[in-house]
């Protein structure tokens, strides 16, 4: 039963990704200078995510729409990023945006909160 639910979740996630690909959002247009500034500012952002998670897809769509270069980190499988998310973020929950600055990092969970933060900062 557990295998079937996982298969169903992964399958529906893949369908969602295909739909996302078909209906990509149009990107914010900026001057070369402004885009360069934004690209520099996004170097402190890391998105911990699962590839087929619908909330992660929603967050990545917003990142695409805002024309941001945010590093994505796959936390779905055991490894460095999953361990870092649990150890430093406090839990394995995605999407999670790691915001670095002033020698510290803050961890922002919940897709709507992440999208609101990105909209306020980069729109």
C-alpha atoms as a PDB file:
ATOM      1  CA  UNK A   1       0.000   0.000   0.000  1.00  0.00           C
ATOM      2  CA  UNK A   2       2.786   2.423   0.904  1.00  0.00           C
ATOM      3  CA  UNK A   3       4.500   1.728  -2.434  1.00  0.00           C
ATOM      4  CA  UNK A   4       1.258   2.405  -4.301  1.00  0.00           C
ATOM      5  CA  UNK A   5       0.768   5.771  -2.552  1.00  0.00           C
ATOM      6  CA  UNK A   6       4.341   6.783  -3.287  1.00  0.00           C
ATOM      7  CA  UNK A   7       3.921   5.774  -6.923  1.00  0.00           C
ATOM      8  CA  UNK A   8       0.676   7.753  -7.150  1.00  0.00           C
ATOM      9  CA  UNK A   9       2.280  10.830  -5.550  1.00  0.00           C
ATOM     10  CA  UNK A  10       5.331  10.667  -7.838  1.00  0.00           C
ATOM     11  CA  UNK A  11       3.186  10.074 -10.912  1.00  0.00           C
ATOM     12  CA  UNK A  12       0.869  12.987 -10.201  1.00  0.00           C
ATOM     13  CA  UNK A  13       3.907  15.156  -9.470  1.00  0.00           C
ATOM     14  CA  UNK A  14       5.380  14.313 -12.870  1.00  0.00           C
ATOM     15  CA  UNK A  15       2.092  15.217 -14.562  1.00  0.00           C
ATOM     16  CA  UNK A  16       2.146  18.550 -12.711  1.00  0.00           C
ATOM     17  CA  UNK A  17       5.705  19.203 -13.906  1.00  0.00           C
ATOM     18  CA  UNK A  18       4.663  18.517 -17.493  1.00  0.00           C
ATOM     19  CA  UNK A  19       1.734  20.938 -17.155  1.00  0.00           C
ATOM     20  CA  UNK A  20       4.100  23.494 -15.618  1.00  0.00           C
ATOM     21  CA  UNK A  21       6.401  23.090 -18.615  1.00  0.00           C
ATOM     22  CA  UNK A  22       3.505  23.603 -21.050  1.00  0.00           C
ATOM     23  CA  UNK A  23       2.262  26.750 -19.321  1.00  0.00           C
ATOM     24  CA  UNK A  24       5.448  28.500 -18.257  1.00  0.00           C
ATOM     25  CA  UNK A  25       4.950  31.942 -16.732  1.00  0.00           C
ATOM     26  CA  UNK A  26       6.237  34.961 -18.586  1.00  0.00           C
ATOM     27  CA  UNK A  27       9.310  36.443 -16.950  1.00  0.00           C
ATOM     28  CA  UNK A  28       9.802  39.897 -15.483  1.00  0.00           C
ATOM     29  CA  UNK A  29      11.875  41.974 -17.886  1.00  0.00           C
ATOM     30  CA  UNK A  30      14.680  44.120 -16.466  1.00  0.00           C
ATOM     31  CA  UNK A  31      17.510  46.134 -17.943  1.00  0.00           C
ATOM     32  CA  UNK A  32      20.820  44.293 -18.183  1.00  0.00           C
ATOM     33  CA  UNK A  33      22.173  46.353 -15.292  1.00  0.00           C
ATOM     34  CA  UNK A  34      19.138  45.722 -13.067  1.00  0.00           C
ATOM     35  CA  UNK A  35      19.138  41.998 -13.886  1.00  0.00           C
ATOM     36  CA  UNK A  36      22.814  41.808 -13.022  1.00  0.00           C
ATOM     37  CA  UNK A  37      22.081  43.417  -9.643  1.00  0.00           C
ATOM     38  CA  UNK A  38      19.245  40.959  -8.994  1.00  0.00           C
ATOM     39  CA  UNK A  39      21.456  38.019 -10.002  1.00  0.00           C
ATOM     40  CA  UNK A  40      24.050  39.190  -7.489  1.00  0.00           C
ATOM     41  CA  UNK A  41      21.431  39.484  -4.735  1.00  0.00           C
ATOM     42  CA  UNK A  42      20.055  35.995  -5.370  1.00  0.00           C
ATOM     43  CA  UNK A  43      23.433  34.354  -4.715  1.00  0.00           C
ATOM     44  CA  UNK A  44      22.509  34.247  -1.016  1.00  0.00           C
ATOM     45  CA  UNK A  45      19.318  32.244  -1.678  1.00  0.00           C
ATOM     46  CA  UNK A  46      19.040  28.444  -1.821  1.00  0.00           C
ATOM     47  CA  UNK A  47      15.769  26.588  -2.380  1.00  0.00           C
ATOM     48  CA  UNK A  48      15.554  23.163  -0.760  1.00  0.00           C
ATOM     49  CA  UNK A  49      12.949  21.175  -2.645  1.00  0.00           C
ATOM     50  CA  UNK A  50      11.614  17.887  -3.933  1.00  0.00           C
ATOM     51  CA  UNK A  51      11.395  17.838  -7.727  1.00  0.00           C
ATOM     52  CA  UNK A  52       7.781  16.642  -8.026  1.00  0.00           C
ATOM     53  CA  UNK A  53       6.324  18.351  -4.937  1.00  0.00           C
ATOM     54  CA  UNK A  54       3.388  20.576  -6.020  1.00  0.00           C
ATOM     55  CA  UNK A  55       4.314  23.288  -3.505  1.00  0.00           C
ATOM     56  CA  UNK A  56       7.876  23.258  -4.787  1.00  0.00           C
ATOM     57  CA  UNK A  57       6.625  23.514  -8.383  1.00  0.00           C
ATOM     58  CA  UNK A  58       4.521  26.516  -7.328  1.00  0.00           C
ATOM     59  CA  UNK A  59       7.566  28.151  -5.713  1.00  0.00           C
ATOM     60  CA  UNK A  60       9.818  27.442  -8.713  1.00  0.00           C
ATOM     61  CA  UNK A  61       7.164  28.970 -11.019  1.00  0.00           C
ATOM     62  CA  UNK A  62       7.332  32.161  -8.988  1.00  0.00           C
ATOM     63  CA  UNK A  63      11.134  32.145  -9.184  1.00  0.00           C
ATOM     64  CA  UNK A  64      10.888  31.762 -12.978  1.00  0.00           C
ATOM     65  CA  UNK A  65       8.249  34.484 -13.211  1.00  0.00           C
ATOM     66  CA  UNK A  66      10.459  36.892 -11.240  1.00  0.00           C
ATOM     67  CA  UNK A  67      13.431  35.947 -13.458  1.00  0.00           C
ATOM     68  CA  UNK A  68      15.595  34.960 -10.479  1.00  0.00           C
ATOM     69  CA  UNK A  69      18.660  32.742 -10.403  1.00  0.00           C
ATOM     70  CA  UNK A  70      18.110  30.779  -7.206  1.00  0.00           C
ATOM     71  CA  UNK A  71      20.114  27.617  -6.618  1.00  0.00           C
ATOM     72  CA  UNK A  72      17.837  24.619  -6.064  1.00  0.00           C
ATOM     73  CA  UNK A  73      18.902  21.802  -3.781  1.00  0.00           C
ATOM     74  CA  UNK A  74      17.310  18.370  -3.928  1.00  0.00           C
ATOM     75  CA  UNK A  75      16.456  17.326  -0.363  1.00  0.00           C
ATOM     76  CA  UNK A  76      14.372  14.325  -1.393  1.00  0.00           C
ATOM     77  CA  UNK A  77      17.088  11.689  -1.108  1.00  0.00           C
ATOM     78  CA  UNK A  78      19.531  11.034   1.694  1.00  0.00           C
ATOM     79  CA  UNK A  79      22.557  13.213   1.298  1.00  0.00           C
ATOM     80  CA  UNK A  80      24.224  16.506   2.044  1.00  0.00           C
ATOM     81  CA  UNK A  81      21.268  18.802   1.273  1.00  0.00           C
ATOM     82  CA  UNK A  82      18.689  16.748   3.159  1.00  0.00           C
ATOM     83  CA  UNK A  83      21.002  16.565   6.182  1.00  0.00           C
ATOM     84  CA  UNK A  84      21.725  20.302   6.039  1.00  0.00           C
ATOM     85  CA  UNK A  85      17.996  21.081   5.858  1.00  0.00           C
ATOM     86  CA  UNK A  86      17.235  18.929   8.890  1.00  0.00           C
ATOM     87  CA  UNK A  87      20.248  20.004  10.945  1.00  0.00           C
ATOM     88  CA  UNK A  88      20.170  23.751  10.267  1.00  0.00           C
ATOM     89  CA  UNK A  89      16.584  24.341   9.197  1.00  0.00           C
ATOM     90  CA  UNK A  90      15.185  22.184  11.956  1.00  0.00           C
ATOM     91  CA  UNK A  91      13.022  19.840   9.895  1.00  0.00           C
ATOM     92  CA  UNK A  92      12.766  18.074   6.565  1.00  0.00           C
ATOM     93  CA  UNK A  93       9.956  20.072   5.013  1.00  0.00           C
ATOM     94  CA  UNK A  94       9.918  21.582   1.553  1.00  0.00           C
ATOM     95  CA  UNK A  95       9.942  24.022  -0.008  1.00  0.00           C
ATOM     96  CA  UNK A  96      12.377  25.849   2.221  1.00  0.00           C
ATOM     97  CA  UNK A  97      14.320  28.957   1.263  1.00  0.00           C
ATOM     98  CA  UNK A  98      17.675  29.452   2.949  1.00  0.00           C
ATOM     99  CA  UNK A  99      18.529  33.149   3.151  1.00  0.00           C
ATOM    100  CA  UNK A 100      22.149  33.891   4.011  1.00  0.00           C
ATOM    101  CA  UNK A 101      23.533  37.187   5.174  1.00  0.00           C
ATOM    102  CA  UNK A 102      25.695  38.819   7.850  1.00  0.00           C
ATOM    103  CA  UNK A 103      27.278  35.472   8.699  1.00  0.00           C
ATOM    104  CA  UNK A 104      23.910  33.905   9.522  1.00  0.00           C
ATOM    105  CA  UNK A 105      21.217  31.983   7.740  1.00  0.00           C
ATOM    106  CA  UNK A 106      17.459  32.084   8.132  1.00  0.00           C
ATOM    107  CA  UNK A 107      15.169  29.334   6.894  1.00  0.00           C
ATOM    108  CA  UNK A 108      11.807  30.249   5.387  1.00  0.00           C
ATOM    109  CA  UNK A 109       9.236  27.462   5.034  1.00  0.00           C
ATOM    110  CA  UNK A 110       5.828  27.431   3.284  1.00  0.00           C
ATOM    111  CA  UNK A 111       5.466  28.172  -0.415  1.00  0.00           C
ATOM    112  CA  UNK A 112       3.169  31.175   0.089  1.00  0.00           C
ATOM    113  CA  UNK A 113       5.596  32.782   2.551  1.00  0.00           C
ATOM    114  CA  UNK A 114       8.539  32.192   0.216  1.00  0.00           C
ATOM    115  CA  UNK A 115       6.650  33.642  -2.758  1.00  0.00           C
ATOM    116  CA  UNK A 116       5.573  36.676  -0.715  1.00  0.00           C
ATOM    117  CA  UNK A 117       9.192  37.270   0.385  1.00  0.00           C
ATOM    118  CA  UNK A 118      10.474  37.001  -3.209  1.00  0.00           C
ATOM    119  CA  UNK A 119       7.696  39.249  -4.579  1.00  0.00           C
ATOM    120  CA  UNK A 120       8.372  41.931  -1.981  1.00  0.00           C
ATOM    121  CA  UNK A 121      12.113  41.815  -2.500  1.00  0.00           C
ATOM    122  CA  UNK A 122      12.408  41.454  -6.279  1.00  0.00           C
ATOM    123  CA  UNK A 123       9.276  42.701  -7.997  1.00  0.00           C
END
